[in-house]
Full PDB file with SEQRES, HELIX, SHEET, SSBOND, CRYST1, ORIGX, SCALE, CONECT and MASTER records, all heavy atoms in Angstrom:
SEQRES   1 A   43  GLU THR ALA THR LEU ALA GLY LEU SER SER SER ILE VAL          
SEQRES   2 A   43  SER ILE ARG ARG LEU CYS ALA GLN VAL VAL SER GLN ARG          
SEQRES   3 A   43  ARG PHE ALA SER ALA GLU GLY LEU LEU LEU ASP ARG ALA          
SEQRES   4 A   43  THR TYR ASP HIS                                              
HELIX    1 AA1 THR A    2  GLY A    7  1                                   6    
HELIX    2 AA2 VAL A   13  ARG A   26  1                                  14    
HELIX    3 AA3 ALA A   29  ALA A   31  5                                   3    
HELIX    4 AA4 GLU A   32  TYR A   41  1                                  10    
CRYST1    1.000    1.000    1.000  90.00  90.00  90.00 P 1           1          
ORIGX1      1.000000  0.000000  0.000000        0.00000                         
ORIGX2      0.000000  1.000000  0.000000        0.00000                         
ORIGX3      0.000000  0.000000  1.000000        0.00000                         
SCALE1      1.000000  0.000000  0.000000        0.00000                         
SCALE2      0.000000  1.000000  0.000000        0.00000                         
SCALE3      0.000000  0.000000  1.000000        0.00000                         
ATOM      1  N   GLU A   1       1.205   1.923   9.369  1.00  0.00           N  
ATOM      2  CA  GLU A   1      -0.051   1.181   9.233  1.00  0.00           C  
ATOM      3  C   GLU A   1      -1.264   2.110   9.310  1.00  0.00           C  
ATOM      4  O   GLU A   1      -2.234   1.943   8.564  1.00  0.00           O  
ATOM      5  CB  GLU A   1      -0.132   0.101  10.315  1.00  0.00           C  
ATOM      6  CG  GLU A   1      -1.290  -0.833  10.168  1.00  0.00           C  
ATOM      7  CD  GLU A   1      -1.199  -2.027  11.112  1.00  0.00           C  
ATOM      8  OE1 GLU A   1      -0.137  -2.292  11.696  1.00  0.00           O  
ATOM      9  OE2 GLU A   1      -2.236  -2.712  11.241  1.00  0.00           O  
ATOM     10  N   THR A   2      -1.223   3.094  10.170  1.00  0.00           N  
ATOM     11  CA  THR A   2      -2.353   4.023  10.332  1.00  0.00           C  
ATOM     12  C   THR A   2      -2.633   4.780   9.036  1.00  0.00           C  
ATOM     13  O   THR A   2      -3.784   4.891   8.602  1.00  0.00           O  
ATOM     14  CB  THR A   2      -2.081   5.014  11.482  1.00  0.00           C  
ATOM     15  OG1 THR A   2      -1.791   4.269  12.665  1.00  0.00           O  
ATOM     16  CG2 THR A   2      -3.266   5.925  11.720  1.00  0.00           C  
ATOM     17  N   ALA A   3      -1.593   5.282   8.404  1.00  0.00           N  
ATOM     18  CA  ALA A   3      -1.760   6.016   7.141  1.00  0.00           C  
ATOM     19  C   ALA A   3      -2.235   5.084   6.038  1.00  0.00           C  
ATOM     20  O   ALA A   3      -3.049   5.472   5.192  1.00  0.00           O  
ATOM     21  CB  ALA A   3      -0.448   6.692   6.743  1.00  0.00           C  
ATOM     22  N   THR A   4      -1.756   3.856   6.043  1.00  0.00           N  
ATOM     23  CA  THR A   4      -2.179   2.880   5.041  1.00  0.00           C  
ATOM     24  C   THR A   4      -3.663   2.583   5.187  1.00  0.00           C  
ATOM     25  O   THR A   4      -4.395   2.550   4.188  1.00  0.00           O  
ATOM     26  CB  THR A   4      -1.360   1.579   5.169  1.00  0.00           C  
ATOM     27  OG1 THR A   4       0.034   1.892   5.064  1.00  0.00           O  
ATOM     28  CG2 THR A   4      -1.730   0.584   4.103  1.00  0.00           C  
ATOM     29  N   LEU A   5      -4.114   2.385   6.406  1.00  0.00           N  
ATOM     30  CA  LEU A   5      -5.537   2.119   6.636  1.00  0.00           C  
ATOM     31  C   LEU A   5      -6.390   3.322   6.239  1.00  0.00           C  
ATOM     32  O   LEU A   5      -7.469   3.163   5.658  1.00  0.00           O  
ATOM     33  CB  LEU A   5      -5.784   1.759   8.100  1.00  0.00           C  
ATOM     34  CG  LEU A   5      -5.134   0.466   8.584  1.00  0.00           C  
ATOM     35  CD1 LEU A   5      -5.443   0.226  10.052  1.00  0.00           C  
ATOM     36  CD2 LEU A   5      -5.538  -0.717   7.750  1.00  0.00           C  
ATOM     37  N   ALA A   6      -5.909   4.516   6.519  1.00  0.00           N  
ATOM     38  CA  ALA A   6      -6.648   5.726   6.123  1.00  0.00           C  
ATOM     39  C   ALA A   6      -6.744   5.813   4.605  1.00  0.00           C  
ATOM     40  O   ALA A   6      -7.779   6.208   4.058  1.00  0.00           O  
ATOM     41  CB  ALA A   6      -5.970   6.968   6.688  1.00  0.00           C  
ATOM     42  N   GLY A   7      -5.698   5.414   3.918  1.00  0.00           N  
ATOM     43  CA  GLY A   7      -5.683   5.457   2.453  1.00  0.00           C  
ATOM     44  C   GLY A   7      -6.672   4.501   1.809  1.00  0.00           C  
ATOM     45  O   GLY A   7      -7.096   4.711   0.668  1.00  0.00           O  
ATOM     46  N   LEU A   8      -7.064   3.458   2.529  1.00  0.00           N  
ATOM     47  CA  LEU A   8      -8.055   2.515   1.993  1.00  0.00           C  
ATOM     48  C   LEU A   8      -9.423   3.182   1.801  1.00  0.00           C  
ATOM     49  O   LEU A   8     -10.246   2.693   1.036  1.00  0.00           O  
ATOM     50  CB  LEU A   8      -8.202   1.301   2.908  1.00  0.00           C  
ATOM     51  CG  LEU A   8      -7.058   0.306   2.921  1.00  0.00           C  
ATOM     52  CD1 LEU A   8      -7.290  -0.758   3.979  1.00  0.00           C  
ATOM     53  CD2 LEU A   8      -6.872  -0.322   1.546  1.00  0.00           C  
ATOM     54  N   SER A   9      -9.653   4.272   2.483  1.00  0.00           N  
ATOM     55  CA  SER A   9     -10.930   4.990   2.384  1.00  0.00           C  
ATOM     56  C   SER A   9     -10.844   6.201   1.460  1.00  0.00           C  
ATOM     57  O   SER A   9     -11.794   6.980   1.376  1.00  0.00           O  
ATOM     58  CB  SER A   9     -11.382   5.446   3.771  1.00  0.00           C  
ATOM     59  OG  SER A   9     -11.574   4.325   4.602  1.00  0.00           O  
ATOM     60  N   SER A  10      -9.738   6.366   0.780  1.00  0.00           N  
ATOM     61  CA  SER A  10      -9.561   7.513  -0.107  1.00  0.00           C  
ATOM     62  C   SER A  10     -10.575   7.485  -1.248  1.00  0.00           C  
ATOM     63  O   SER A  10     -10.999   6.421  -1.701  1.00  0.00           O  
ATOM     64  CB  SER A  10      -8.143   7.513  -0.682  1.00  0.00           C  
ATOM     65  OG  SER A  10      -8.006   8.517  -1.661  1.00  0.00           O  
ATOM     66  N   SER A  11     -10.926   8.655  -1.732  1.00  0.00           N  
ATOM     67  CA  SER A  11     -11.831   8.739  -2.886  1.00  0.00           C  
ATOM     68  C   SER A  11     -11.070   8.513  -4.187  1.00  0.00           C  
ATOM     69  O   SER A  11     -11.670   8.333  -5.244  1.00  0.00           O  
ATOM     70  CB  SER A  11     -12.521  10.103  -2.913  1.00  0.00           C  
ATOM     71  OG  SER A  11     -11.553  11.128  -3.037  1.00  0.00           O  
ATOM     72  N   ILE A  12      -9.738   8.480  -4.114  1.00  0.00           N  
ATOM     73  CA  ILE A  12      -8.904   8.290  -5.297  1.00  0.00           C  
ATOM     74  C   ILE A  12      -8.553   6.808  -5.424  1.00  0.00           C  
ATOM     75  O   ILE A  12      -7.927   6.228  -4.533  1.00  0.00           O  
ATOM     76  CB  ILE A  12      -7.625   9.155  -5.205  1.00  0.00           C  
ATOM     77  CG1 ILE A  12      -8.015  10.626  -5.035  1.00  0.00           C  
ATOM     78  CG2 ILE A  12      -6.742   8.953  -6.419  1.00  0.00           C  
ATOM     79  CD1 ILE A  12      -6.860  11.539  -4.657  1.00  0.00           C  
ATOM     80  N   VAL A  13      -8.975   6.203  -6.531  1.00  0.00           N  
ATOM     81  CA  VAL A  13      -8.801   4.759  -6.737  1.00  0.00           C  
ATOM     82  C   VAL A  13      -7.335   4.350  -6.666  1.00  0.00           C  
ATOM     83  O   VAL A  13      -7.000   3.325  -6.060  1.00  0.00           O  
ATOM     84  CB  VAL A  13      -9.427   4.309  -8.084  1.00  0.00           C  
ATOM     85  CG1 VAL A  13      -9.142   2.851  -8.360  1.00  0.00           C  
ATOM     86  CG2 VAL A  13     -10.907   4.580  -8.104  1.00  0.00           C  
ATOM     87  N   SER A  14      -6.437   5.128  -7.273  1.00  0.00           N  
ATOM     88  CA  SER A  14      -5.019   4.743  -7.285  1.00  0.00           C  
ATOM     89  C   SER A  14      -4.433   4.717  -5.869  1.00  0.00           C  
ATOM     90  O   SER A  14      -3.575   3.889  -5.570  1.00  0.00           O  
ATOM     91  CB  SER A  14      -4.208   5.673  -8.197  1.00  0.00           C  
ATOM     92  OG  SER A  14      -4.328   7.012  -7.775  1.00  0.00           O  
ATOM     93  N   ILE A  15      -4.905   5.592  -4.997  1.00  0.00           N  
ATOM     94  CA  ILE A  15      -4.422   5.579  -3.603  1.00  0.00           C  
ATOM     95  C   ILE A  15      -4.981   4.359  -2.879  1.00  0.00           C  
ATOM     96  O   ILE A  15      -4.260   3.688  -2.137  1.00  0.00           O  
ATOM     97  CB  ILE A  15      -4.791   6.885  -2.880  1.00  0.00           C  
ATOM     98  CG1 ILE A  15      -4.004   8.003  -3.531  1.00  0.00           C  
ATOM     99  CG2 ILE A  15      -4.552   6.775  -1.380  1.00  0.00           C  
ATOM    100  CD1 ILE A  15      -3.941   9.297  -2.817  1.00  0.00           C  
ATOM    101  N   ARG A  16      -6.262   4.050  -3.090  1.00  0.00           N  
ATOM    102  CA  ARG A  16      -6.849   2.846  -2.470  1.00  0.00           C  
ATOM    103  C   ARG A  16      -6.110   1.597  -2.931  1.00  0.00           C  
ATOM    104  O   ARG A  16      -5.806   0.714  -2.137  1.00  0.00           O  
ATOM    105  CB  ARG A  16      -8.337   2.731  -2.820  1.00  0.00           C  
ATOM    106  CG  ARG A  16      -9.202   3.697  -2.093  1.00  0.00           C  
ATOM    107  CD  ARG A  16     -10.677   3.316  -2.112  1.00  0.00           C  
ATOM    108  NE  ARG A  16     -11.196   2.848  -3.371  1.00  0.00           N  
ATOM    109  CZ  ARG A  16     -11.819   3.611  -4.279  1.00  0.00           C  
ATOM    110  NH1 ARG A  16     -11.984   4.908  -4.047  1.00  0.00           N  
ATOM    111  NH2 ARG A  16     -12.296   3.090  -5.385  1.00  0.00           N  
ATOM    112  N   ARG A  17      -5.809   1.519  -4.235  1.00  0.00           N  
ATOM    113  CA  ARG A  17      -5.102   0.356  -4.783  1.00  0.00           C  
ATOM    114  C   ARG A  17      -3.721   0.237  -4.150  1.00  0.00           C  
ATOM    115  O   ARG A  17      -3.310  -0.839  -3.714  1.00  0.00           O  
ATOM    116  CB  ARG A  17      -4.993   0.451  -6.296  1.00  0.00           C  
ATOM    117  CG  ARG A  17      -4.340  -0.774  -6.915  1.00  0.00           C  
ATOM    118  CD  ARG A  17      -4.163  -0.727  -8.437  1.00  0.00           C  
ATOM    119  NE  ARG A  17      -5.183  -0.013  -9.165  1.00  0.00           N  
ATOM    120  CZ  ARG A  17      -5.014   1.196  -9.725  1.00  0.00           C  
ATOM    121  NH1 ARG A  17      -3.864   1.830  -9.614  1.00  0.00           N  
ATOM    122  NH2 ARG A  17      -5.985   1.766 -10.393  1.00  0.00           N  
ATOM    123  N   LEU A  18      -2.998   1.350  -4.079  1.00  0.00           N  
ATOM    124  CA  LEU A  18      -1.661   1.360  -3.497  1.00  0.00           C  
ATOM    125  C   LEU A  18      -1.698   0.908  -2.040  1.00  0.00           C  
ATOM    126  O   LEU A  18      -0.900   0.066  -1.619  1.00  0.00           O  
ATOM    127  CB  LEU A  18      -1.056   2.769  -3.604  1.00  0.00           C  
ATOM    128  CG  LEU A  18       0.349   2.957  -3.076  1.00  0.00           C  
ATOM    129  CD1 LEU A  18       1.351   2.235  -3.967  1.00  0.00           C  
ATOM    130  CD2 LEU A  18       0.683   4.432  -3.013  1.00  0.00           C  
ATOM    131  N   CYS A  19      -2.656   1.418  -1.286  1.00  0.00           N  
ATOM    132  CA  CYS A  19      -2.775   1.045   0.132  1.00  0.00           C  
ATOM    133  C   CYS A  19      -3.169  -0.425   0.286  1.00  0.00           C  
ATOM    134  O   CYS A  19      -2.656  -1.121   1.165  1.00  0.00           O  
ATOM    135  CB  CYS A  19      -3.764   1.961   0.838  1.00  0.00           C  
ATOM    136  SG  CYS A  19      -3.115   3.646   1.028  1.00  0.00           S  
ATOM    137  N   ALA A  20      -4.051  -0.915  -0.568  1.00  0.00           N  
ATOM    138  CA  ALA A  20      -4.438  -2.325  -0.511  1.00  0.00           C  
ATOM    139  C   ALA A  20      -3.245  -3.220  -0.850  1.00  0.00           C  
ATOM    140  O   ALA A  20      -3.069  -4.293  -0.263  1.00  0.00           O  
ATOM    141  CB  ALA A  20      -5.604  -2.598  -1.454  1.00  0.00           C  
ATOM    142  N   GLN A  21      -2.398  -2.778  -1.767  1.00  0.00           N  
ATOM    143  CA  GLN A  21      -1.199  -3.548  -2.103  1.00  0.00           C  
ATOM    144  C   GLN A  21      -0.233  -3.592  -0.918  1.00  0.00           C  
ATOM    145  O   GLN A  21       0.358  -4.639  -0.631  1.00  0.00           O  
ATOM    146  CB  GLN A  21      -0.510  -2.948  -3.336  1.00  0.00           C  
ATOM    147  CG  GLN A  21      -1.281  -3.169  -4.619  1.00  0.00           C  
ATOM    148  CD  GLN A  21      -0.755  -2.335  -5.784  1.00  0.00           C  
ATOM    149  OE1 GLN A  21      -0.088  -1.318  -5.602  1.00  0.00           O  
ATOM    150  NE2 GLN A  21      -1.082  -2.772  -6.997  1.00  0.00           N  
ATOM    151  N   VAL A  22      -0.105  -2.483  -0.221  1.00  0.00           N  
ATOM    152  CA  VAL A  22       0.762  -2.450   0.966  1.00  0.00           C  
ATOM    153  C   VAL A  22       0.195  -3.358   2.054  1.00  0.00           C  
ATOM    154  O   VAL A  22       0.921  -4.122   2.687  1.00  0.00           O  
ATOM    155  CB  VAL A  22       0.951  -1.000   1.485  1.00  0.00           C  
ATOM    156  CG1 VAL A  22       1.651  -0.985   2.836  1.00  0.00           C  
ATOM    157  CG2 VAL A  22       1.723  -0.177   0.470  1.00  0.00           C  
ATOM    158  N   VAL A  23      -1.122  -3.299   2.258  1.00  0.00           N  
ATOM    159  CA  VAL A  23      -1.770  -4.183   3.240  1.00  0.00           C  
ATOM    160  C   VAL A  23      -1.488  -5.635   2.884  1.00  0.00           C  
ATOM    161  O   VAL A  23      -1.176  -6.458   3.758  1.00  0.00           O  
ATOM    162  CB  VAL A  23      -3.294  -3.916   3.295  1.00  0.00           C  
ATOM    163  CG1 VAL A  23      -4.012  -5.033   4.026  1.00  0.00           C  
ATOM    164  CG2 VAL A  23      -3.571  -2.589   3.964  1.00  0.00           C  
ATOM    165  N   SER A  24      -1.569  -5.955   1.611  1.00  0.00           N  
ATOM    166  CA  SER A  24      -1.334  -7.320   1.154  1.00  0.00           C  
ATOM    167  C   SER A  24       0.107  -7.754   1.426  1.00  0.00           C  
ATOM    168  O   SER A  24       0.347  -8.849   1.926  1.00  0.00           O  
ATOM    169  CB  SER A  24      -1.638  -7.410  -0.344  1.00  0.00           C  
ATOM    170  OG  SER A  24      -1.460  -8.713  -0.815  1.00  0.00           O  
ATOM    171  N   GLN A  25       1.048  -6.881   1.109  1.00  0.00           N  
ATOM    172  CA  GLN A  25       2.470  -7.207   1.306  1.00  0.00           C  
ATOM    173  C   GLN A  25       2.832  -7.315   2.781  1.00  0.00           C  
ATOM    174  O   GLN A  25       3.558  -8.215   3.186  1.00  0.00           O  
ATOM    175  CB  GLN A  25       3.351  -6.140   0.654  1.00  0.00           C  
ATOM    176  CG  GLN A  25       3.277  -6.126  -0.839  1.00  0.00           C  
ATOM    177  CD  GLN A  25       3.880  -4.848  -1.435  1.00  0.00           C  
ATOM    178  OE1 GLN A  25       4.278  -3.924  -0.726  1.00  0.00           O  
ATOM    179  NE2 GLN A  25       3.935  -4.810  -2.755  1.00  0.00           N  
ATOM    180  N   ARG A  26       2.327  -6.380   3.570  1.00  0.00           N  
ATOM    181  CA  ARG A  26       2.681  -6.334   4.994  1.00  0.00           C  
ATOM    182  C   ARG A  26       1.739  -7.145   5.871  1.00  0.00           C  
ATOM    183  O   ARG A  26       1.972  -7.301   7.060  1.00  0.00           O  
ATOM    184  CB  ARG A  26       2.710  -4.878   5.482  1.00  0.00           C  
ATOM    185  CG  ARG A  26       3.772  -4.004   4.821  1.00  0.00           C  
ATOM    186  CD  ARG A  26       5.157  -4.518   5.110  1.00  0.00           C  
ATOM    187  NE  ARG A  26       5.389  -4.512   6.531  1.00  0.00           N  
ATOM    188  CZ  ARG A  26       6.348  -3.876   7.144  1.00  0.00           C  
ATOM    189  NH1 ARG A  26       7.224  -3.211   6.458  1.00  0.00           N  
ATOM    190  NH2 ARG A  26       6.453  -3.917   8.458  1.00  0.00           N  
ATOM    191  N   ARG A  27       0.663  -7.627   5.281  1.00  0.00           N  
ATOM    192  CA  ARG A  27      -0.331  -8.444   5.988  1.00  0.00           C  
ATOM    193  C   ARG A  27      -0.860  -7.751   7.246  1.00  0.00           C  
ATOM    194  O   ARG A  27      -0.860  -8.319   8.337  1.00  0.00           O  
ATOM    195  CB  ARG A  27       0.252  -9.814   6.302  1.00  0.00           C  
ATOM    196  CG  ARG A  27       0.555 -10.607   5.059  1.00  0.00           C  
ATOM    197  CD  ARG A  27       1.018 -12.011   5.383  1.00  0.00           C  
ATOM    198  NE  ARG A  27       1.080 -12.773   4.157  1.00  0.00           N  
ATOM    199  CZ  ARG A  27       2.196 -13.242   3.626  1.00  0.00           C  
ATOM    200  NH1 ARG A  27       3.342 -13.065   4.240  1.00  0.00           N  
ATOM    201  NH2 ARG A  27       2.155 -13.922   2.498  1.00  0.00           N  
ATOM    202  N   PHE A  28      -1.333  -6.524   7.055  1.00  0.00           N  
ATOM    203  CA  PHE A  28      -1.910  -5.762   8.160  1.00  0.00           C  
ATOM    204  C   PHE A  28      -3.294  -6.323   8.483  1.00  0.00           C  
ATOM    205  O   PHE A  28      -4.284  -5.995   7.842  1.00  0.00           O  
ATOM    206  CB  PHE A  28      -2.036  -4.275   7.812  1.00  0.00           C  
ATOM    207  CG  PHE A  28      -0.724  -3.532   7.675  1.00  0.00           C  
ATOM    208  CD1 PHE A  28      -0.612  -2.458   6.797  1.00  0.00           C  
ATOM    209  CD2 PHE A  28       0.385  -3.865   8.436  1.00  0.00           C  
ATOM    210  CE1 PHE A  28       0.566  -1.751   6.679  1.00  0.00           C  
ATOM    211  CE2 PHE A  28       1.578  -3.166   8.315  1.00  0.00           C  
ATOM    212  CZ  PHE A  28       1.674  -2.098   7.435  1.00  0.00           C  
ATOM    213  N   ALA A  29      -3.372  -7.163   9.501  1.00  0.00           N  
ATOM    214  CA  ALA A  29      -4.645  -7.794   9.873  1.00  0.00           C  
ATOM    215  C   ALA A  29      -5.692  -6.764  10.301  1.00  0.00           C  
ATOM    216  O   ALA A  29      -6.892  -7.002  10.163  1.00  0.00           O  
ATOM    217  CB  ALA A  29      -4.415  -8.812  10.991  1.00  0.00           C  
ATOM    218  N   SER A  30      -5.246  -5.629  10.789  1.00  0.00           N  
ATOM    219  CA  SER A  30      -6.183  -4.594  11.226  1.00  0.00           C  
ATOM    220  C   SER A  30      -6.997  -4.014  10.067  1.00  0.00           C  
ATOM    221  O   SER A  30      -7.993  -3.328  10.277  1.00  0.00           O  
ATOM    222  CB  SER A  30      -5.430  -3.465  11.938  1.00  0.00           C  
ATOM    223  OG  SER A  30      -4.466  -2.898  11.062  1.00  0.00           O  
ATOM    224  N   ALA A  31      -6.597  -4.311   8.838  1.00  0.00           N  
ATOM    225  CA  ALA A  31      -7.298  -3.791   7.660  1.00  0.00           C  
ATOM    226  C   ALA A  31      -8.450  -4.686   7.225  1.00  0.00           C  
ATOM    227  O   ALA A  31      -9.201  -4.320   6.310  1.00  0.00           O  
ATOM    228  CB  ALA A  31      -6.313  -3.636   6.509  1.00  0.00           C  
ATOM    229  N   GLU A  32      -8.634  -5.825   7.870  1.00  0.00           N  
ATOM    230  CA  GLU A  32      -9.629  -6.798   7.430  1.00  0.00           C  
ATOM    231  C   GLU A  32     -11.024  -6.188   7.272  1.00  0.00           C  
ATOM    232  O   GLU A  32     -11.661  -6.338   6.216  1.00  0.00           O  
ATOM    233  CB  GLU A  32      -9.680  -7.981   8.400  1.00  0.00           C  
ATOM    234  CG  GLU A  32     -10.657  -9.049   7.992  1.00  0.00           C  
ATOM    235  CD  GLU A  32     -10.693 -10.182   9.008  1.00  0.00           C  
ATOM    236  OE1 GLU A  32     -10.696  -9.907  10.231  1.00  0.00           O  
ATOM    237  OE2 GLU A  32     -10.733 -11.340   8.559  1.00  0.00           O  
ATOM    238  N   GLY A  33     -11.526  -5.512   8.266  1.00  0.00           N  
ATOM    239  CA  GLY A  33     -12.866  -4.927   8.211  1.00  0.00           C  
ATOM    240  C   GLY A  33     -13.005  -3.902   7.095  1.00  0.00           C  
ATOM    241  O   GLY A  33     -13.990  -3.882   6.357  1.00  0.00           O  
ATOM    242  N   LEU A  34     -11.998  -3.028   6.986  1.00  0.00           N  
ATOM    243  CA  LEU A  34     -12.018  -2.021   5.917  1.00  0.00           C  
ATOM    244  C   LEU A  34     -12.016  -2.670   4.540  1.00  0.00           C  
ATOM    245  O   LEU A  34     -12.729  -2.238   3.633  1.00  0.00           O  
ATOM    246  CB  LEU A  34     -10.803  -1.087   6.038  1.00  0.00           C  
ATOM    247  CG  LEU A  34     -10.875   0.010   7.074  1.00  0.00           C  
ATOM    248  CD1 LEU A  34      -9.518   0.677   7.243  1.00  0.00           C  
ATOM    249  CD2 LEU A  34     -11.915   1.037   6.665  1.00  0.00           C  
ATOM    250  N   LEU A  35     -11.199  -3.696   4.373  1.00  0.00           N  
ATOM    251  CA  LEU A  35     -11.134  -4.379   3.081  1.00  0.00           C  
ATOM    252  C   LEU A  35     -12.454  -5.053   2.737  1.00  0.00           C  
ATOM    253  O   LEU A  35     -12.884  -5.032   1.578  1.00  0.00           O  
ATOM    254  CB  LEU A  35      -9.994  -5.407   3.070  1.00  0.00           C  
ATOM    255  CG  LEU A  35      -8.579  -4.833   3.035  1.00  0.00           C  
ATOM    256  CD1 LEU A  35      -7.559  -5.937   3.267  1.00  0.00           C  
ATOM    257  CD2 LEU A  35      -8.311  -4.110   1.731  1.00  0.00           C  
ATOM    258  N   LEU A  36     -13.086  -5.660   3.722  1.00  0.00           N  
ATOM    259  CA  LEU A  36     -14.391  -6.279   3.472  1.00  0.00           C  
ATOM    260  C   LEU A  36     -15.417  -5.225   3.061  1.00  0.00           C  
ATOM    261  O   LEU A  36     -16.226  -5.461   2.154  1.00  0.00           O  
ATOM    262  CB  LEU A  36     -14.855  -7.064   4.695  1.00  0.00           C  
ATOM    263  CG  LEU A  36     -14.101  -8.369   4.939  1.00  0.00           C  
ATOM    264  CD1 LEU A  36     -14.410  -8.913   6.327  1.00  0.00           C  
ATOM    265  CD2 LEU A  36     -14.419  -9.393   3.868  1.00  0.00           C  
ATOM    266  N   ASP A  37     -15.388  -4.067   3.684  1.00  0.00           N  
ATOM    267  CA  ASP A  37     -16.274  -2.970   3.286  1.00  0.00           C  
ATOM    268  C   ASP A  37     -15.949  -2.490   1.870  1.00  0.00           C  
ATOM    269  O   ASP A  37     -16.843  -2.252   1.063  1.00  0.00           O  
ATOM    270  CB  ASP A  37     -16.159  -1.785   4.252  1.00  0.00           C  
ATOM    271  CG  ASP A  37     -16.739  -2.091   5.622  1.00  0.00           C  
ATOM    272  OD1 ASP A  37     -17.514  -3.066   5.745  1.00  0.00           O  
ATOM    273  OD2 ASP A  37     -16.406  -1.351   6.572  1.00  0.00           O  
ATOM    274  N   ARG A  38     -14.668  -2.348   1.575  1.00  0.00           N  
ATOM    275  CA  ARG A  38     -14.230  -1.887   0.254  1.00  0.00           C  
ATOM    276  C   ARG A  38     -14.601  -2.894  -0.827  1.00  0.00           C  
ATOM    277  O   ARG A  38     -14.888  -2.518  -1.963  1.00  0.00           O  
ATOM    278  CB  ARG A  38     -12.717  -1.649   0.213  1.00  0.00           C  
ATOM    279  CG  ARG A  38     -12.182  -0.534   1.057  1.00  0.00           C  
ATOM    280  CD  ARG A  38     -12.788   0.811   0.880  1.00  0.00           C  
ATOM    281  NE  ARG A  38     -12.996   1.229  -0.479  1.00  0.00           N  
ATOM    282  CZ  ARG A  38     -13.626   2.360  -0.819  1.00  0.00           C  
ATOM    283  NH1 ARG A  38     -14.071   3.173   0.098  1.00  0.00           N  
ATOM    284  NH2 ARG A  38     -13.785   2.682  -2.070  1.00  0.00           N  
ATOM    285  N   ALA A  39     -14.603  -4.174  -0.492  1.00  0.00           N  
ATOM    286  CA  ALA A  39     -14.948  -5.207  -1.475  1.00  0.00           C  
ATOM    287  C   ALA A  39     -16.359  -4.996  -1.997  1.00  0.00           C  
ATOM    288  O   ALA A  39     -16.624  -5.153  -3.191  1.00  0.00           O  
ATOM    289  CB  ALA A  39     -14.802  -6.598  -0.857  1.00  0.00           C  
ATOM    290  N   THR A  40     -17.262  -4.610  -1.123  1.00  0.00           N  
ATOM    291  CA  THR A  40     -18.638  -4.334  -1.544  1.00  0.00           C  
ATOM    292  C   THR A  40     -18.674  -3.100  -2.442  1.00  0.00           C  
ATOM    293  O   THR A  40     -19.306  -3.095  -3.488  1.00  0.00           O  
ATOM    294  CB  THR A  40     -19.539  -4.102  -0.314  1.00  0.00           C  
ATOM    295  OG1 THR A  40     -19.477  -5.260   0.507  1.00  0.00           O  
ATOM    296  CG2 THR A  40     -20.970  -3.835  -0.715  1.00  0.00           C  
ATOM    297  N   TYR A  41     -17.948  -2.087  -2.057  1.00  0.00           N  
ATOM    298  CA  TYR A  41     -17.927  -0.828  -2.796  1.00  0.00           C  
ATOM    299  C   TYR A  41     -17.252  -0.976  -4.159  1.00  0.00           C  
ATOM    300  O   TYR A  41     -17.708  -0.413  -5.152  1.00  0.00           O  
ATOM    301  CB  TYR A  41     -17.213   0.234  -1.954  1.00  0.00           C  
ATOM    302  CG  TYR A  41     -17.152   1.596  -2.597  1.00  0.00           C  
ATOM    303  CD1 TYR A  41     -18.256   2.446  -2.560  1.00  0.00           C  
ATOM    304  CD2 TYR A  41     -16.001   2.022  -3.236  1.00  0.00           C  
ATOM    305  CE1 TYR A  41     -18.199   3.701  -3.153  1.00  0.00           C  
ATOM    306  CE2 TYR A  41     -15.944   3.275  -3.822  1.00  0.00           C  
ATOM    307  CZ  TYR A  41     -17.043   4.104  -3.783  1.00  0.00           C  
ATOM    308  OH  TYR A  41     -16.978   5.342  -4.370  1.00  0.00           O  
ATOM    309  N   ASP A  42     -16.143  -1.728  -4.216  1.00  0.00           N  
ATOM    310  CA  ASP A  42     -15.346  -1.849  -5.439  1.00  0.00           C  
ATOM    311  C   ASP A  42     -15.640  -3.117  -6.246  1.00  0.00           C  
ATOM    312  O   ASP A  42     -14.869  -3.480  -7.127  1.00  0.00           O  
ATOM    313  CB  ASP A  42     -13.849  -1.814  -5.088  1.00  0.00           C  
ATOM    314  CG  ASP A  42     -13.388  -0.421  -4.676  1.00  0.00           C  
ATOM    315  OD1 ASP A  42     -13.801   0.556  -5.327  1.00  0.00           O  
ATOM    316  OD2 ASP A  42     -12.617  -0.320  -3.701  1.00  0.00           O  
ATOM    317  N   HIS A  43     -16.739  -3.776  -5.949  1.00  0.00           N  
ATOM    318  CA  HIS A  43     -17.068  -5.038  -6.611  1.00  0.00           C  
ATOM    319  C   HIS A  43     -17.131  -4.915  -8.132  1.00  0.00           C  
ATOM    320  O   HIS A  43     -16.770  -5.841  -8.857  1.00  0.00           O  
ATOM    321  CB  HIS A  43     -18.395  -5.581  -6.069  1.00  0.00           C  
ATOM    322  CG  HIS A  43     -18.715  -6.942  -6.568  1.00  0.00           C  
ATOM    323  ND1 HIS A  43     -19.457  -7.158  -7.709  1.00  0.00           N  
ATOM    324  CD2 HIS A  43     -18.375  -8.166  -6.107  1.00  0.00           C  
ATOM    325  CE1 HIS A  43     -19.574  -8.447  -7.923  1.00  0.00           C  
ATOM    326  NE2 HIS A  43     -18.927  -9.085  -6.965  1.00  0.00           N  
TER     327      HIS A  43                                                      
MASTER        0    0    0    4    0    0    0    6  326    1    0    4          
END                                                                             
């Protein structure tokens, strides 16, 4: 989970997408804040 959350902040879009997909599948609730921040950035 720690590496997945770190990947959400990657500058590489494909890594962010991959990590967001893992968060979605595994339902990592700890990613909520990061995802909300990323939503603004990736809108």
